[in-house]
């Protein structure tokens, strides 16, 4: 067990571990989806919702994509995909 000091992750409300590498994605109270590389101890915000928390995320078996629930407005939500490599979302 190791504590990752200096990362601004907020209050974590969900976490998923990569099936292929030492990475995790976390969602927090600020409605962000954050990728954390456990080897380099670096983090990167992948997406942020204005309307609600990001949840229901799952890694692809190859570890290259994350799927997650995303509120696009106060009344609509969608399932989005995010490429871990370049951070592009669909």
Protein backbone atom coordinates (compact mmCIF):
# COMPACT_ATOMS: atom_id res chain seq x y z
CA UNK A 1 0.00 0.00 0.00
CA UNK A 2 1.36 3.38 -0.98
CA UNK A 3 -0.10 6.85 -0.52
CA UNK A 4 0.06 9.10 -3.59
CA UNK A 5 0.88 12.53 -2.24
CA UNK A 6 0.37 15.69 -4.25
CA UNK A 7 -2.40 14.47 -6.57
CA UNK A 8 -5.51 16.65 -6.57
CA UNK A 9 -8.13 13.91 -6.88
CA UNK A 10 -10.85 15.45 -4.74
CA UNK A 11 -13.15 13.14 -2.78
CA UNK A 12 -13.20 9.88 -4.71
CA UNK A 13 -16.65 8.31 -5.14
CA UNK A 14 -15.75 5.52 -7.58
CA UNK A 15 -12.69 3.69 -8.87
CA UNK A 16 -11.86 1.12 -11.55
CA UNK A 17 -8.56 -0.69 -12.09
CA UNK A 18 -7.11 -1.21 -15.58
CA UNK A 19 -7.08 -4.87 -16.65
CA UNK A 20 -3.72 -4.48 -18.42
CA UNK A 21 -1.58 -1.84 -16.70
CA UNK A 22 -0.93 -0.04 -13.43
CA UNK A 23 -3.62 2.60 -13.96
CA UNK A 24 -6.94 3.43 -12.37
CA UNK A 25 -9.79 5.74 -13.27
CA UNK A 26 -11.56 7.54 -10.47
CA UNK A 27 -14.63 9.71 -10.30
CA UNK A 28 -14.93 12.41 -7.69
CA UNK A 29 -17.33 14.85 -6.03
CA UNK A 30 -16.35 17.53 -8.60
CA UNK A 31 -17.96 15.43 -11.34
CA UNK A 32 -14.62 14.57 -12.94
CA UNK A 33 -13.28 11.37 -14.43
CA UNK A 34 -9.54 11.16 -13.70
CA UNK A 35 -6.90 8.76 -14.98
CA UNK A 36 -4.14 7.95 -12.47
CA UNK A 37 -0.92 6.27 -13.59
CA UNK A 38 0.37 4.40 -10.55
CA UNK A 39 3.88 4.03 -11.96
CA UNK A 40 4.52 7.71 -12.73
CA UNK A 41 2.20 8.97 -9.97
CA UNK A 42 0.63 11.41 -12.45
CA UNK A 43 -3.05 12.15 -12.99
CA UNK A 44 -5.02 13.59 -15.89
CA UNK A 45 -8.67 14.72 -16.02
CA UNK A 46 -10.34 12.81 -18.85
CA UNK A 47 -13.81 14.38 -18.66
CA UNK A 48 -15.94 16.66 -16.50
CA UNK A 49 -19.72 16.97 -16.27
CA UNK A 50 -21.47 20.21 -15.43
CA UNK A 51 -24.65 18.43 -14.35
CA UNK A 52 -23.92 15.38 -12.21
CA UNK A 53 -21.32 12.87 -11.08
CA UNK A 54 -19.74 10.53 -13.59
CA UNK A 55 -20.47 6.92 -12.78
CA UNK A 56 -20.90 3.41 -14.01
CA UNK A 57 -17.50 3.28 -15.67
CA UNK A 58 -15.80 0.16 -16.97
CA UNK A 59 -12.50 -0.58 -18.69
CA UNK A 60 -12.34 -2.29 -22.07
CA UNK A 61 -10.58 -5.67 -21.86
CA UNK A 62 -7.58 -4.30 -23.79
CA UNK A 63 -7.16 -1.40 -21.32
CA UNK A 64 -7.27 1.23 -24.07
CA UNK A 65 -10.79 2.60 -23.46
CA UNK A 66 -13.10 3.45 -20.58
CA UNK A 67 -16.89 3.56 -20.93
CA UNK A 68 -18.91 5.63 -18.45
CA UNK A 69 -22.25 7.26 -17.76
CA UNK A 70 -22.24 11.00 -18.42
CA UNK A 71 -24.98 13.61 -17.77
CA UNK A 72 -25.14 15.86 -20.83
CA UNK A 73 -27.88 18.08 -19.41
CA UNK A 74 -30.16 18.24 -16.39
CA UNK A 75 -32.49 15.77 -18.13
CA UNK A 76 -30.33 13.62 -20.40
CA UNK A 77 -27.44 11.26 -20.02
CA UNK A 78 -25.33 9.17 -22.38
CA UNK A 79 -22.75 6.45 -22.36
CA UNK A 80 -19.41 7.89 -23.45
CA UNK A 81 -16.15 6.27 -24.44
CA UNK A 82 -12.74 7.75 -23.68
CA UNK A 83 -9.46 6.75 -25.28
CA UNK A 84 -6.83 6.36 -22.57
CA UNK A 85 -4.04 7.04 -25.06
CA UNK A 86 -5.08 10.51 -26.22
CA UNK A 87 -8.07 11.43 -24.02
CA UNK A 88 -10.51 11.80 -26.94
CA UNK A 89 -14.15 11.11 -26.07
CA UNK A 90 -17.02 9.77 -28.14
